[in-house]
Every structure is written in structure tokens, then in C-alpha cells.
Amino acid sequence: MCCLCSGCDYSYARSGIKDLKAADLLGDKDHVVVLDCWRILAHELRGNDRVHYLSLGENLSDSSDLAAQLRNLF
């Protein structure tokens, strides 16, 4: 999992996280899970089949069974 938050050790934290592309996070991996604390990468990562994009503070669904949906993620 890649967590893009203020404690991130990635050099991207200094150079501009908003400029990250899916390829930067994927490298040679088949897929990655990205937790975007600032919700600034949705336009780049959402919809990519190899990236499971989660944004902090955003509702995952209108469903009342959110706990069950979260269990299915992990």
C-alpha cells in the first residue's frame, strides 16, 4: 500500500505529489493500493484497473452496509 500523506518518505513529497502518475506508483508491480490523504490524485488514478484508489474522508458508497464493503477490500 502506498499512503500519500505528510509522513511520506517518498521523494515525491518534496517534488510535488500532485504530479504523480500511475506508472510512478506501479513500477513493476501488477497492482497497488493507494490511500490519497489529500484527494488530489483522483483524476490520475481513479479508473485505473491496476490501482485501487482510496481517498481519505470520501464515502465509498451510498450503501448503509459500509462495514461489509470495507471488510471486502482487505
N, C-alpha and C. Protein backbone atom coordinates (compact mmCIF):
# COMPACT_ATOMS: atom_id res chain seq x y z
N MET A 1 0.85 -1.17 0.00
CA MET A 1 0.00 0.00 0.00
C MET A 1 0.89 1.23 0.00
N CYS A 2 0.51 2.19 -0.74
CA CYS A 2 1.20 3.48 -0.75
C CYS A 2 0.27 4.50 -0.11
N CYS A 3 0.72 5.09 0.98
CA CYS A 3 -0.08 6.09 1.66
C CYS A 3 0.54 7.45 1.38
N LEU A 4 -0.17 8.28 0.67
CA LEU A 4 0.33 9.60 0.31
C LEU A 4 -0.13 10.62 1.34
N CYS A 5 0.67 10.78 2.36
CA CYS A 5 0.31 11.70 3.44
C CYS A 5 1.56 12.47 3.88
N SER A 6 1.41 13.31 4.86
CA SER A 6 2.51 14.19 5.24
C SER A 6 3.73 13.44 5.76
N GLY A 7 3.58 12.22 6.24
CA GLY A 7 4.71 11.45 6.75
C GLY A 7 5.40 10.61 5.68
N CYS A 8 5.05 10.81 4.45
CA CYS A 8 5.56 10.01 3.34
C CYS A 8 7.07 10.20 3.18
N ASP A 9 7.80 9.09 3.02
CA ASP A 9 9.24 9.14 2.80
C ASP A 9 9.62 9.29 1.33
N TYR A 10 8.64 9.20 0.45
CA TYR A 10 8.93 9.27 -0.98
C TYR A 10 9.49 10.63 -1.36
N SER A 11 10.41 10.65 -2.29
CA SER A 11 10.96 11.91 -2.76
C SER A 11 9.89 12.76 -3.43
N TYR A 12 8.78 12.12 -3.83
CA TYR A 12 7.69 12.86 -4.46
C TYR A 12 7.09 13.89 -3.49
N ALA A 13 7.20 13.60 -2.19
CA ALA A 13 6.63 14.52 -1.21
C ALA A 13 7.28 15.89 -1.32
N ARG A 14 8.52 15.92 -1.74
CA ARG A 14 9.22 17.19 -1.89
C ARG A 14 9.03 17.78 -3.28
N SER A 15 8.87 16.93 -4.27
CA SER A 15 8.84 17.42 -5.65
C SER A 15 7.43 17.68 -6.18
N GLY A 16 6.41 17.30 -5.44
CA GLY A 16 5.06 17.58 -5.89
C GLY A 16 4.24 16.34 -6.11
N ILE A 17 3.54 15.90 -5.09
CA ILE A 17 2.73 14.69 -5.18
C ILE A 17 1.67 14.83 -6.26
N LYS A 18 1.16 16.02 -6.45
CA LYS A 18 0.08 16.20 -7.43
C LYS A 18 0.51 15.85 -8.85
N ASP A 19 1.81 15.75 -9.09
CA ASP A 19 2.32 15.40 -10.42
C ASP A 19 2.55 13.91 -10.63
N LEU A 20 2.28 13.09 -9.59
CA LEU A 20 2.47 11.65 -9.71
C LEU A 20 1.55 11.06 -10.77
N LYS A 21 2.05 10.08 -11.46
CA LYS A 21 1.28 9.32 -12.44
C LYS A 21 1.16 7.89 -11.95
N ALA A 22 0.21 7.16 -12.47
CA ALA A 22 0.01 5.77 -12.08
C ALA A 22 1.30 4.96 -12.27
N ALA A 23 2.01 5.19 -13.34
CA ALA A 23 3.25 4.46 -13.61
C ALA A 23 4.30 4.69 -12.53
N ASP A 24 4.31 5.88 -11.93
CA ASP A 24 5.26 6.18 -10.86
C ASP A 24 5.01 5.29 -9.65
N LEU A 25 3.76 5.03 -9.36
CA LEU A 25 3.41 4.22 -8.20
C LEU A 25 3.46 2.73 -8.49
N LEU A 26 3.14 2.35 -9.70
CA LEU A 26 3.11 0.94 -10.06
C LEU A 26 4.50 0.35 -10.23
N GLY A 27 5.39 1.06 -10.86
CA GLY A 27 6.70 0.48 -11.14
C GLY A 27 6.54 -0.83 -11.87
N ASP A 28 7.09 -1.92 -11.31
CA ASP A 28 6.96 -3.23 -11.95
C ASP A 28 5.90 -4.09 -11.25
N LYS A 29 5.07 -3.49 -10.41
CA LYS A 29 4.04 -4.23 -9.68
C LYS A 29 2.81 -4.46 -10.57
N ASP A 30 2.10 -5.53 -10.28
CA ASP A 30 0.86 -5.81 -11.00
C ASP A 30 -0.24 -4.85 -10.61
N HIS A 31 -0.27 -4.49 -9.31
CA HIS A 31 -1.29 -3.57 -8.81
C HIS A 31 -0.80 -2.93 -7.51
N VAL A 32 -1.39 -1.82 -7.16
CA VAL A 32 -1.08 -1.14 -5.90
C VAL A 32 -2.37 -0.62 -5.29
N VAL A 33 -2.33 -0.42 -3.98
CA VAL A 33 -3.40 0.24 -3.26
C VAL A 33 -2.85 1.60 -2.84
N VAL A 34 -3.56 2.64 -3.18
CA VAL A 34 -3.12 4.00 -2.86
C VAL A 34 -4.15 4.67 -1.96
N LEU A 35 -3.70 5.14 -0.81
CA LEU A 35 -4.53 5.95 0.08
C LEU A 35 -4.09 7.39 -0.08
N ASP A 36 -4.92 8.18 -0.72
CA ASP A 36 -4.60 9.57 -1.03
C ASP A 36 -5.21 10.47 0.06
N CYS A 37 -4.38 10.88 1.01
CA CYS A 37 -4.86 11.68 2.14
C CYS A 37 -5.35 13.06 1.71
N TRP A 38 -4.83 13.58 0.63
CA TRP A 38 -5.21 14.93 0.17
C TRP A 38 -6.26 14.91 -0.94
N ARG A 39 -6.57 13.73 -1.44
CA ARG A 39 -7.56 13.57 -2.51
C ARG A 39 -7.21 14.40 -3.75
N ILE A 40 -5.94 14.41 -4.11
CA ILE A 40 -5.52 15.21 -5.27
C ILE A 40 -5.14 14.36 -6.48
N LEU A 41 -5.18 13.04 -6.34
CA LEU A 41 -4.78 12.18 -7.45
C LEU A 41 -5.94 11.43 -8.09
N ALA A 42 -7.14 11.76 -7.69
CA ALA A 42 -8.31 11.05 -8.23
C ALA A 42 -8.34 11.11 -9.75
N HIS A 43 -8.07 12.26 -10.32
CA HIS A 43 -8.14 12.40 -11.79
C HIS A 43 -7.12 11.49 -12.49
N GLU A 44 -6.01 11.20 -11.83
CA GLU A 44 -4.97 10.37 -12.43
C GLU A 44 -5.16 8.88 -12.15
N LEU A 45 -5.64 8.54 -10.95
CA LEU A 45 -5.63 7.15 -10.53
C LEU A 45 -6.98 6.45 -10.57
N ARG A 46 -8.05 7.17 -10.36
CA ARG A 46 -9.38 6.56 -10.33
C ARG A 46 -9.70 6.01 -11.72
N GLY A 47 -10.15 4.78 -11.76
CA GLY A 47 -10.50 4.16 -13.04
C GLY A 47 -9.38 3.31 -13.62
N ASN A 48 -8.19 3.37 -13.03
CA ASN A 48 -7.08 2.54 -13.49
C ASN A 48 -7.26 1.14 -12.92
N ASP A 49 -7.31 0.13 -13.77
CA ASP A 49 -7.56 -1.25 -13.33
C ASP A 49 -6.46 -1.79 -12.42
N ARG A 50 -5.28 -1.23 -12.46
CA ARG A 50 -4.16 -1.73 -11.67
C ARG A 50 -3.96 -0.96 -10.37
N VAL A 51 -4.77 0.08 -10.15
CA VAL A 51 -4.66 0.90 -8.95
C VAL A 51 -5.97 0.86 -8.19
N HIS A 52 -5.88 0.42 -6.92
CA HIS A 52 -7.06 0.50 -6.05
C HIS A 52 -6.93 1.82 -5.31
N TYR A 53 -7.68 2.81 -5.74
CA TYR A 53 -7.56 4.17 -5.23
C TYR A 53 -8.55 4.42 -4.11
N LEU A 54 -8.04 4.84 -2.95
CA LEU A 54 -8.87 5.20 -1.81
C LEU A 54 -8.52 6.63 -1.43
N SER A 55 -9.53 7.42 -1.21
CA SER A 55 -9.28 8.80 -0.79
C SER A 55 -9.82 9.01 0.61
N LEU A 56 -9.01 9.59 1.45
CA LEU A 56 -9.36 9.81 2.85
C LEU A 56 -10.56 10.75 2.96
N GLY A 57 -11.53 10.36 3.76
CA GLY A 57 -12.68 11.22 4.02
C GLY A 57 -13.76 11.19 2.96
N GLU A 58 -13.68 10.26 2.04
CA GLU A 58 -14.69 10.17 0.98
C GLU A 58 -15.53 8.92 1.17
N ASN A 59 -16.83 9.05 1.08
CA ASN A 59 -17.73 7.92 1.22
C ASN A 59 -17.54 6.96 0.06
N LEU A 60 -17.40 5.69 0.36
CA LEU A 60 -17.19 4.69 -0.68
C LEU A 60 -18.46 4.31 -1.41
N SER A 61 -19.59 4.51 -0.75
CA SER A 61 -20.85 4.08 -1.34
C SER A 61 -22.01 4.75 -0.63
N ASP A 62 -23.14 4.73 -1.27
CA ASP A 62 -24.36 5.21 -0.63
C ASP A 62 -24.99 4.11 0.21
N SER A 63 -24.43 2.92 0.14
CA SER A 63 -24.97 1.79 0.86
C SER A 63 -24.87 1.98 2.37
N SER A 64 -25.85 1.47 3.10
CA SER A 64 -25.81 1.54 4.55
C SER A 64 -24.90 0.48 5.14
N ASP A 65 -24.44 -0.47 4.33
CA ASP A 65 -23.59 -1.55 4.81
C ASP A 65 -22.12 -1.27 4.48
N LEU A 66 -21.63 -0.13 4.91
CA LEU A 66 -20.26 0.28 4.62
C LEU A 66 -19.24 -0.64 5.27
N ALA A 67 -19.50 -1.13 6.48
CA ALA A 67 -18.56 -2.01 7.18
C ALA A 67 -18.30 -3.27 6.37
N ALA A 68 -19.32 -3.85 5.78
CA ALA A 68 -19.15 -5.06 4.97
C ALA A 68 -18.31 -4.77 3.73
N GLN A 69 -18.52 -3.62 3.13
CA GLN A 69 -17.74 -3.24 1.95
C GLN A 69 -16.27 -3.06 2.31
N LEU A 70 -15.99 -2.47 3.46
CA LEU A 70 -14.60 -2.29 3.89
C LEU A 70 -13.93 -3.63 4.16
N ARG A 71 -14.66 -4.57 4.77
CA ARG A 71 -14.09 -5.91 5.01
C ARG A 71 -13.71 -6.56 3.68
N ASN A 72 -14.47 -6.36 2.65
CA ASN A 72 -14.18 -6.97 1.34
C ASN A 72 -12.94 -6.38 0.69
N LEU A 73 -12.55 -5.18 1.07
CA LEU A 73 -11.35 -4.58 0.49
C LEU A 73 -10.09 -5.26 0.97
N PHE A 74 -10.12 -5.77 2.18
CA PHE A 74 -8.91 -6.33 2.78
C PHE A 74 -9.16 -7.77 3.05
